[in-house]
Amino acid sequence: MSFATLAVISLVAIVGPLLALPPRWHLPIILGELAAGIVLGATGSGRLQADNETFTFLADIGFALIMFVVGAQVPVRDHRLRAALGIGVLRAVGVGLLSVPLALVVARIFGTGHGALYAVLMASSSAAVILPIVDSLGLGGRPVLEMLAQVAVADAACIVALPLAIDPNHAGRAALGALAVLACAAVLFVILRHLERVGLRRRMHQLSKDREFALELRISLAILFALAALATRMHVSIMLAGFSFGLAVAGVGEPRRLAHQLFAVTEGFLGPLFFVWLGASLDLRELGRHPSFILLGVVLGVGAAATHAAMRLTGQPLPIGALASGQLGVPVAAATVGSQLHLLEPGEPAALILGALVTIAVASLSGGLAVRAGLVTAASPGGQLDHQRPAEHDGA
């Protein structure tokens, strides 16, 4: 790993914003970053070596930060979302129940034995994909709020379930590790809430702002890395460490100053680096040697869309149900962890990413159909959900 390599990674990562630039496409920025990694990695020129230890370590840091940001964006404090939580939970459970038999059939047909993993993938939703579509299109109303509650529940549940599903032979160890990480995150939430109530966080925020110390960022990174170290020691993915800490911060209310700093660190460098690394680690030529996995990816994506669309039976508008199938974080984590631990078949990680891309295409199309169906609000983009941050959190 060299500065020249970092320069190449930073340059090609610009492909992400370029592809996401046309607003009508509603493409996540990571698609361009993945594509750049694929072109320069194992599939293409081989210029980027995903097995380089420094490259991998930086990618792990980016992965932890991405999952932290995703967790911190879950609007757990939004009272409107809490009011829709009941039906959201029921629909998330309904999708999960429908996913199990379908996933078992798919695993049997393709002979992978990964039925539990496929069930988690089909049941998952990604707030990182769905929230930008909702905001950009101005979608609103009761059905949208119920869908967002469903997505929040499914996102959290599937991230917790993934370590257990991807390696069933070590499910007991993974469960203990997950409990340890979640327990630490719960303790952190209690501590952060206490600091907020006694005003210590506010005073630290003002001091950091006045003296330009970036104390909140430094402390947050220290806690995140400590949780990631615990997760690694307990044989649990750092995905859970980042997401659970993000939820704890979201439960208290993420200061906007910290949000801006984390956005700069994550979206400006380490996040794109992770997705370029992920693309570089995927060998799509394995799909050519195992063409059945191309079909597997399509089936996983269509299966996820179908199980979510089935919530039409509960009264959910069909475009909204299909929009809820958009997923990214869980398939990316599955491909990453599965590749690192050598738990997946050659070509299977690429199939998981392909399945996610299918759901993103379905979600983008469904968002447009939801607009045509009149499921919009007069509120400005981004007005559907906020984190209900106190005014003292808003200092930049």
Protein backbone atom coordinates (compact mmCIF):
# COMPACT_ATOMS: atom_id res chain seq x y z
CA MET A 1 0.00 0.00 0.00
CA SER A 2 1.39 3.40 -0.98
CA PHE A 3 0.33 7.01 -1.36
CA ALA A 4 0.08 6.40 -5.10
CA THR A 5 -2.45 3.64 -4.44
CA LEU A 6 -4.41 5.89 -2.09
CA ALA A 7 -4.42 8.58 -4.77
CA VAL A 8 -5.81 6.08 -7.29
CA ILE A 9 -8.50 4.94 -4.85
CA SER A 10 -9.53 8.52 -4.05
CA LEU A 11 -9.65 9.39 -7.74
CA VAL A 12 -11.69 6.42 -8.91
CA ALA A 13 -14.07 6.85 -5.96
CA ILE A 14 -15.31 10.01 -7.70
CA VAL A 15 -17.12 7.66 -10.11
CA GLY A 16 -19.69 7.14 -7.34
CA PRO A 17 -20.92 10.76 -7.20
CA LEU A 18 -20.79 11.01 -11.00
CA LEU A 19 -23.15 8.04 -11.47
CA ALA A 20 -25.41 9.26 -8.66
CA LEU A 21 -25.56 12.79 -10.08
CA PRO A 22 -28.67 12.41 -12.32
CA PRO A 23 -31.53 12.78 -9.77
CA ARG A 24 -33.96 10.70 -11.84
CA TRP A 25 -31.79 7.60 -11.53
CA HIS A 26 -31.90 7.50 -7.70
CA LEU A 27 -28.69 5.46 -7.68
CA PRO A 28 -26.78 4.99 -4.40
CA ILE A 29 -23.35 6.55 -4.58
CA ILE A 30 -21.66 3.28 -3.72
CA LEU A 31 -22.52 1.71 -7.07
CA GLY A 32 -19.85 3.73 -8.84
CA GLU A 33 -17.34 2.98 -6.09
CA LEU A 34 -18.04 -0.74 -6.37
CA ALA A 35 -17.72 -0.55 -10.15
CA ALA A 36 -14.37 1.22 -9.88
CA GLY A 37 -13.09 -1.45 -7.51
CA ILE A 38 -14.29 -4.21 -9.82
CA VAL A 39 -12.48 -2.66 -12.79
CA LEU A 40 -9.21 -2.22 -10.90
CA GLY A 41 -9.41 -5.32 -8.71
CA ALA A 42 -9.52 -9.09 -9.07
CA THR A 43 -12.07 -8.97 -11.89
CA GLY A 44 -10.27 -6.38 -13.99
CA SER A 45 -6.73 -5.11 -14.16
CA GLY A 46 -5.57 -6.35 -10.74
CA ARG A 47 -4.13 -2.90 -9.98
CA LEU A 48 -5.73 -2.96 -6.52
CA GLN A 49 -4.86 -5.94 -4.32
CA ALA A 50 -7.73 -6.48 -1.87
CA ASP A 51 -5.63 -8.92 0.18
CA ASN A 52 -3.10 -6.21 1.07
CA GLU A 53 -3.10 -5.99 4.89
CA THR A 54 -3.03 -2.19 5.03
CA PHE A 55 -5.77 -1.88 2.40
CA THR A 56 -7.90 -4.42 4.26
CA PHE A 57 -7.39 -2.70 7.62
CA LEU A 58 -8.36 0.71 6.24
CA ALA A 59 -11.40 -0.90 4.63
CA ASP A 60 -12.39 -2.41 8.00
CA ILE A 61 -12.21 1.05 9.58
CA GLY A 62 -14.40 2.38 6.77
CA PHE A 63 -16.85 -0.50 7.25
CA ALA A 64 -17.15 0.22 11.00
CA LEU A 65 -17.72 3.92 10.32
CA ILE A 66 -20.31 3.21 7.63
CA MET A 67 -22.31 0.99 9.96
CA PHE A 68 -22.02 3.58 12.73
CA VAL A 69 -23.41 6.28 10.43
CA VAL A 70 -26.22 3.95 9.29
CA GLY A 71 -27.15 3.20 12.92
CA ALA A 72 -27.01 6.88 13.87
CA GLN A 73 -29.41 7.69 11.00
CA VAL A 74 -32.15 5.36 12.28
CA PRO A 75 -34.76 7.85 13.54
CA VAL A 76 -35.48 6.08 16.82
CA ARG A 77 -36.48 9.34 18.53
CA ASP A 78 -39.06 10.39 15.94
CA HIS A 79 -42.45 10.24 17.68
CA ARG A 80 -44.24 9.79 14.36
CA LEU A 81 -42.18 6.72 13.63
CA ARG A 82 -42.82 5.28 17.09
CA ALA A 83 -46.55 5.63 16.52
CA ALA A 84 -46.24 3.44 13.43
CA LEU A 85 -43.91 0.96 15.12
CA GLY A 86 -46.57 -1.68 15.83
CA ILE A 87 -47.60 -2.30 12.24
CA GLY A 88 -43.98 -1.91 11.17
CA VAL A 89 -42.89 -4.72 13.49
CA LEU A 90 -45.71 -6.99 12.31
CA ARG A 91 -44.82 -6.45 8.65
CA ALA A 92 -41.11 -6.98 9.29
CA VAL A 93 -41.95 -10.25 11.04
CA GLY A 94 -44.29 -11.19 8.20
CA VAL A 95 -41.56 -10.65 5.62
CA GLY A 96 -39.17 -12.68 7.74
CA LEU A 97 -41.57 -15.60 8.00
CA LEU A 98 -42.19 -15.61 4.26
CA SER A 99 -38.45 -15.47 3.58
CA VAL A 100 -37.58 -18.64 5.49
CA PRO A 101 -39.27 -21.30 3.31
CA LEU A 102 -38.32 -19.47 0.11
CA ALA A 103 -34.69 -19.22 1.22
CA LEU A 104 -34.53 -22.91 2.13
CA VAL A 105 -35.84 -23.84 -1.31
CA VAL A 106 -33.31 -21.55 -3.01
CA ALA A 107 -30.42 -23.00 -0.97
CA ARG A 108 -31.51 -26.51 -1.82
CA ILE A 109 -31.84 -25.80 -5.54
CA PHE A 110 -28.40 -24.19 -5.74
CA GLY A 111 -26.82 -26.65 -3.33
CA THR A 112 -25.09 -24.06 -1.14
CA GLY A 113 -26.59 -24.99 2.22
CA HIS A 114 -26.92 -21.30 3.10
CA GLY A 115 -30.66 -21.19 3.66
CA ALA A 116 -30.40 -19.24 6.92
CA LEU A 117 -28.20 -16.63 5.27
CA TYR A 118 -30.54 -16.24 2.31
CA ALA A 119 -33.51 -15.83 4.67
CA VAL A 120 -31.76 -12.96 6.45
CA LEU A 121 -30.87 -11.34 3.14
CA MET A 122 -34.42 -11.57 1.76
CA ALA A 123 -35.90 -10.23 4.98
CA SER A 124 -33.51 -7.30 5.25
CA SER A 125 -34.13 -3.69 4.31
CA SER A 126 -31.62 -0.87 4.16
CA ALA A 127 -32.37 2.56 5.56
CA ALA A 128 -29.26 3.79 3.74
CA VAL A 129 -30.95 2.99 0.41
CA ILE A 130 -34.59 3.73 1.20
CA LEU A 131 -34.35 7.01 3.15
CA PRO A 132 -32.63 8.92 0.31
CA ILE A 133 -35.31 7.72 -2.13
CA VAL A 134 -38.09 8.79 0.24
CA ASP A 135 -36.50 12.18 0.85
CA SER A 136 -35.64 12.93 -2.78
CA LEU A 137 -39.15 12.08 -4.00
CA GLY A 138 -40.95 13.75 -1.10
CA LEU A 139 -42.87 10.59 -0.23
CA GLY A 140 -45.09 10.86 2.82
CA GLY A 141 -48.26 9.91 4.58
CA ARG A 142 -49.17 7.11 6.94
CA PRO A 143 -48.14 4.24 4.60
CA VAL A 144 -44.66 5.71 4.22
CA LEU A 145 -44.21 6.18 7.98
CA GLU A 146 -45.30 2.59 8.58
CA MET A 147 -42.87 1.41 5.93
CA LEU A 148 -40.01 3.37 7.50
CA ALA A 149 -40.76 1.79 10.88
CA GLN A 150 -40.71 -1.60 9.17
CA VAL A 151 -37.37 -0.82 7.55
CA ALA A 152 -35.82 0.33 10.84
CA VAL A 153 -36.89 -2.89 12.59
CA ALA A 154 -35.77 -5.15 9.73
CA ASP A 155 -32.44 -3.33 9.35
CA ALA A 156 -31.59 -3.73 13.04
CA ALA A 157 -32.85 -7.30 13.37
CA CYS A 158 -31.04 -8.59 10.27
CA ILE A 159 -27.75 -6.96 11.23
CA VAL A 160 -27.94 -8.77 14.58
CA ALA A 161 -29.01 -12.04 12.95
CA LEU A 162 -26.42 -12.07 10.16
CA PRO A 163 -23.42 -13.30 12.24
CA LEU A 164 -25.54 -16.22 13.45
CA ALA A 165 -26.87 -17.10 10.00
CA ILE A 166 -23.65 -16.86 8.02
CA ASP A 167 -21.73 -19.30 10.24
CA PRO A 168 -24.25 -21.69 11.87
CA ASN A 169 -21.46 -24.01 13.06
CA HIS A 170 -20.28 -21.28 15.42
CA ALA A 171 -23.70 -19.76 16.15
CA GLY A 172 -23.26 -20.18 19.91
CA ARG A 173 -19.98 -18.30 19.92
CA ALA A 174 -21.42 -15.63 17.63
CA ALA A 175 -24.48 -15.27 19.88
CA LEU A 176 -22.31 -14.70 22.96
CA GLY A 177 -20.19 -12.20 21.07
CA ALA A 178 -23.26 -10.38 19.79
CA LEU A 179 -24.72 -10.21 23.30
CA ALA A 180 -21.46 -8.80 24.64
CA VAL A 181 -21.34 -6.09 21.97
CA LEU A 182 -25.02 -5.22 22.38
CA ALA A 183 -24.68 -5.11 26.18
CA CYS A 184 -21.77 -2.66 25.87
CA ALA A 185 -23.80 -0.54 23.46
CA ALA A 186 -26.71 -0.51 25.93
CA VAL A 187 -24.38 0.62 28.73
CA LEU A 188 -23.03 3.34 26.44
CA PHE A 189 -26.57 4.54 25.76
CA VAL A 190 -27.27 4.84 29.50
CA ILE A 191 -24.02 6.75 30.05
CA LEU A 192 -24.60 9.07 27.10
CA ARG A 193 -28.17 9.79 28.20
CA HIS A 194 -26.95 10.60 31.72
CA LEU A 195 -24.27 12.94 30.39
CA GLU A 196 -26.92 14.64 28.28
CA ARG A 197 -29.31 15.08 31.21
CA VAL A 198 -26.72 16.58 33.56
CA GLY A 199 -25.53 18.93 30.83
CA LEU A 200 -21.96 17.63 30.68
CA ARG A 201 -22.22 16.76 27.00
CA ARG A 202 -23.46 20.24 26.21
CA ARG A 203 -20.57 21.86 28.06
CA MET A 204 -18.08 19.58 26.32
CA HIS A 205 -19.71 20.40 23.00
CA GLN A 206 -19.36 24.13 23.59
CA LEU A 207 -15.75 23.79 24.69
CA SER A 208 -14.94 21.68 21.65
CA LYS A 209 -16.63 24.18 19.37
CA ASP A 210 -14.98 27.24 20.92
CA ARG A 211 -11.49 25.74 21.06
CA GLU A 212 -11.83 23.61 17.89
CA PHE A 213 -10.85 20.45 19.77
CA ALA A 214 -13.19 18.02 17.95
CA LEU A 215 -13.64 16.25 21.30
CA GLU A 216 -16.89 14.53 20.33
CA LEU A 217 -15.32 13.08 17.21
CA ARG A 218 -12.23 11.89 19.08
CA ILE A 219 -14.28 10.27 21.84
CA SER A 220 -16.72 8.70 19.38
CA LEU A 221 -13.89 7.17 17.35
CA ALA A 222 -12.23 5.83 20.51
CA ILE A 223 -15.49 4.17 21.59
CA LEU A 224 -16.17 2.81 18.11
CA PHE A 225 -12.71 1.29 17.80
CA ALA A 226 -12.98 -0.20 21.29
CA LEU A 227 -16.28 -1.85 20.38
CA ALA A 228 -14.77 -3.06 17.11
CA ALA A 229 -11.87 -4.55 19.06
CA LEU A 230 -14.33 -6.34 21.36
CA ALA A 231 -16.29 -7.63 18.36
CA THR A 232 -13.10 -8.92 16.73
CA ARG A 233 -12.01 -10.57 19.98
CA MET A 234 -15.44 -12.20 20.33
CA HIS A 235 -15.45 -13.38 16.70
CA VAL A 236 -18.31 -11.04 15.72
CA SER A 237 -18.36 -8.77 12.69
CA ILE A 238 -17.41 -5.14 13.29
CA MET A 239 -20.65 -4.41 11.45
CA LEU A 240 -22.55 -5.07 14.69
CA ALA A 241 -20.16 -2.91 16.72
CA GLY A 242 -20.62 0.08 14.43
CA PHE A 243 -24.38 -0.28 14.06
CA SER A 244 -25.13 -0.80 17.76
CA PHE A 245 -23.02 2.20 18.78
CA GLY A 246 -24.78 4.26 16.09
CA LEU A 247 -28.15 3.25 17.53
CA ALA A 248 -27.01 4.28 21.01
CA VAL A 249 -26.00 7.71 19.71
CA ALA A 250 -29.26 8.01 17.75
CA GLY A 251 -31.21 7.19 20.92
CA VAL A 252 -29.66 10.17 22.69
CA GLY A 253 -29.52 12.48 19.67
CA GLU A 254 -26.48 12.86 17.45
CA PRO A 255 -25.05 16.40 17.58
CA ARG A 256 -24.99 17.97 14.14
CA ARG A 257 -21.38 19.04 14.60
CA LEU A 258 -20.43 15.39 15.18
CA ALA A 259 -22.62 14.33 12.25
CA HIS A 260 -20.81 16.76 9.95
CA GLN A 261 -17.40 15.59 11.14
CA LEU A 262 -18.29 11.92 10.73
CA PHE A 263 -19.76 12.63 7.31
CA ALA A 264 -16.47 14.19 6.24
CA VAL A 265 -14.34 11.32 7.57
CA THR A 266 -16.63 8.55 6.31
CA GLU A 267 -18.05 9.82 3.05
CA GLY A 268 -14.95 11.74 2.06
CA PHE A 269 -12.42 8.94 2.35
CA LEU A 270 -12.87 5.77 4.42
CA GLY A 271 -16.35 4.91 3.18
CA PRO A 272 -15.44 5.12 -0.53
CA LEU A 273 -12.21 3.24 0.22
CA PHE A 274 -14.24 0.38 1.74
CA PHE A 275 -16.53 0.05 -1.26
CA VAL A 276 -13.62 0.26 -3.70
CA TRP A 277 -11.92 -2.47 -1.65
CA LEU A 278 -15.10 -4.56 -1.71
CA GLY A 279 -15.35 -4.21 -5.48
CA ALA A 280 -11.67 -5.11 -5.80
CA SER A 281 -12.19 -8.23 -3.67
CA LEU A 282 -15.04 -9.52 -5.86
CA ASP A 283 -13.98 -11.77 -8.69
CA LEU A 284 -16.87 -11.59 -11.14
CA ARG A 285 -15.05 -14.01 -13.40
CA GLU A 286 -16.11 -16.64 -10.89
CA LEU A 287 -19.67 -15.95 -12.02
CA GLY A 288 -18.59 -16.86 -15.54
CA ARG A 289 -17.11 -20.09 -14.26
CA HIS A 290 -20.18 -20.68 -12.10
CA PRO A 291 -23.01 -19.15 -14.17
CA SER A 292 -25.65 -20.62 -11.88
CA PHE A 293 -24.64 -17.98 -9.32
CA ILE A 294 -25.79 -15.26 -11.71
CA LEU A 295 -29.23 -16.80 -11.48
CA LEU A 296 -28.80 -17.10 -7.71
CA GLY A 297 -28.21 -13.36 -7.42
CA VAL A 298 -31.27 -12.57 -9.51
CA VAL A 299 -33.40 -15.03 -7.53
CA LEU A 300 -32.28 -13.53 -4.20
CA GLY A 301 -33.13 -10.03 -5.38
CA VAL A 302 -36.49 -11.00 -6.86
CA GLY A 303 -37.27 -13.12 -3.79
CA ALA A 304 -36.61 -10.17 -1.49
CA ALA A 305 -38.84 -7.92 -3.59
CA ALA A 306 -41.59 -10.56 -3.71
CA THR A 307 -41.65 -11.21 0.06
CA HIS A 308 -41.83 -7.48 0.79
CA ALA A 309 -44.46 -6.87 -1.88
CA ALA A 310 -46.55 -9.63 -0.27
CA MET A 311 -47.32 -7.20 2.56
CA ARG A 312 -49.94 -5.87 0.16
CA LEU A 313 -52.08 -8.51 1.86
CA THR A 314 -51.85 -6.46 5.08
CA GLY A 315 -53.07 -3.30 3.37
CA GLN A 316 -49.68 -1.85 2.47
CA PRO A 317 -49.65 -0.16 -0.96
CA LEU A 318 -47.75 -2.33 -3.43
CA PRO A 319 -45.18 0.35 -4.44
CA ILE A 320 -44.40 1.02 -0.78
CA GLY A 321 -43.96 -2.66 -0.02
CA ALA A 322 -41.62 -3.12 -2.98
CA LEU A 323 -39.70 0.03 -1.99
CA ALA A 324 -39.07 -1.55 1.43
CA SER A 325 -37.12 -4.38 -0.25
CA GLY A 326 -34.19 -2.09 -1.10
CA GLN A 327 -31.14 -3.49 0.65
CA LEU A 328 -27.43 -2.87 0.76
CA GLY A 329 -25.75 -3.03 4.16
CA VAL A 330 -26.61 -6.64 5.03
CA PRO A 331 -25.65 -8.13 1.61
CA VAL A 332 -22.43 -6.11 1.60
CA ALA A 333 -21.65 -7.31 5.13
CA ALA A 334 -22.46 -10.90 4.18
CA ALA A 335 -20.18 -10.73 1.14
CA THR A 336 -17.41 -9.11 3.19
CA VAL A 337 -17.57 -11.43 6.20
CA GLY A 338 -18.17 -14.51 4.05
CA SER A 339 -15.14 -13.74 1.92
CA GLN A 340 -12.88 -12.96 4.86
CA LEU A 341 -13.83 -16.16 6.72
CA HIS A 342 -13.98 -18.29 3.54
CA LEU A 343 -17.56 -19.32 4.30
CA LEU A 344 -18.99 -18.77 0.81
CA GLU A 345 -18.56 -20.63 -2.46
CA PRO A 346 -16.45 -19.08 -5.26
CA GLY A 347 -18.65 -16.54 -6.99
CA GLU A 348 -21.25 -16.48 -4.19
CA PRO A 349 -20.17 -13.11 -2.73
CA ALA A 350 -20.69 -11.53 -6.16
CA ALA A 351 -24.10 -13.20 -6.34
CA LEU A 352 -25.08 -11.59 -3.02
CA ILE A 353 -24.09 -8.15 -4.32
CA LEU A 354 -25.99 -8.80 -7.55
CA GLY A 355 -29.09 -9.63 -5.51
CA ALA A 356 -28.72 -6.32 -3.66
CA LEU A 357 -28.45 -4.43 -6.95
CA VAL A 358 -31.69 -6.06 -8.11
CA THR A 359 -33.49 -4.80 -4.99
CA ILE A 360 -32.05 -1.30 -5.48
CA ALA A 361 -33.43 -1.26 -9.03
CA VAL A 362 -36.82 -2.44 -7.72
CA ALA A 363 -36.79 0.18 -4.95
CA SER A 364 -35.92 3.00 -7.36
CA LEU A 365 -38.71 1.99 -9.74
CA SER A 366 -41.18 1.58 -6.89
CA GLY A 367 -40.38 5.05 -5.58
CA GLY A 368 -41.48 6.53 -8.89
CA LEU A 369 -44.65 4.43 -8.85
CA ALA A 370 -45.39 5.64 -5.33
CA VAL A 371 -45.20 9.24 -6.54
CA ARG A 372 -47.63 8.44 -9.36
CA ALA A 373 -49.94 6.86 -6.79
CA GLY A 374 -50.01 10.17 -4.90
CA LEU A 375 -48.08 8.95 -1.84
CA VAL A 376 -46.32 12.29 -1.40
CA THR A 377 -46.29 15.02 1.19
CA ALA A 378 -46.16 18.78 0.95
CA ALA A 379 -43.20 18.77 3.33
CA SER A 380 -39.81 19.57 1.93
CA PRO A 381 -37.40 16.74 1.15
CA GLY A 382 -36.00 15.36 4.36
CA GLY A 383 -39.03 16.57 6.28
CA GLN A 384 -40.53 13.15 6.75
CA LEU A 385 -37.99 12.07 9.29
CA ASP A 386 -35.59 13.85 11.53
CA HIS A 387 -33.70 12.86 14.60
CA GLN A 388 -35.50 15.36 16.78
CA ARG A 389 -32.15 16.82 17.85
CA PRO A 390 -32.36 19.44 20.59
CA ALA A 391 -31.44 22.95 19.54
CA GLU A 392 -28.22 22.85 21.55
CA HIS A 393 -27.07 20.00 19.33
CA ASP A 394 -27.15 22.15 16.25
CA GLY A 395 -23.95 24.09 16.63
CA ALA A 396 -21.67 23.58 13.69
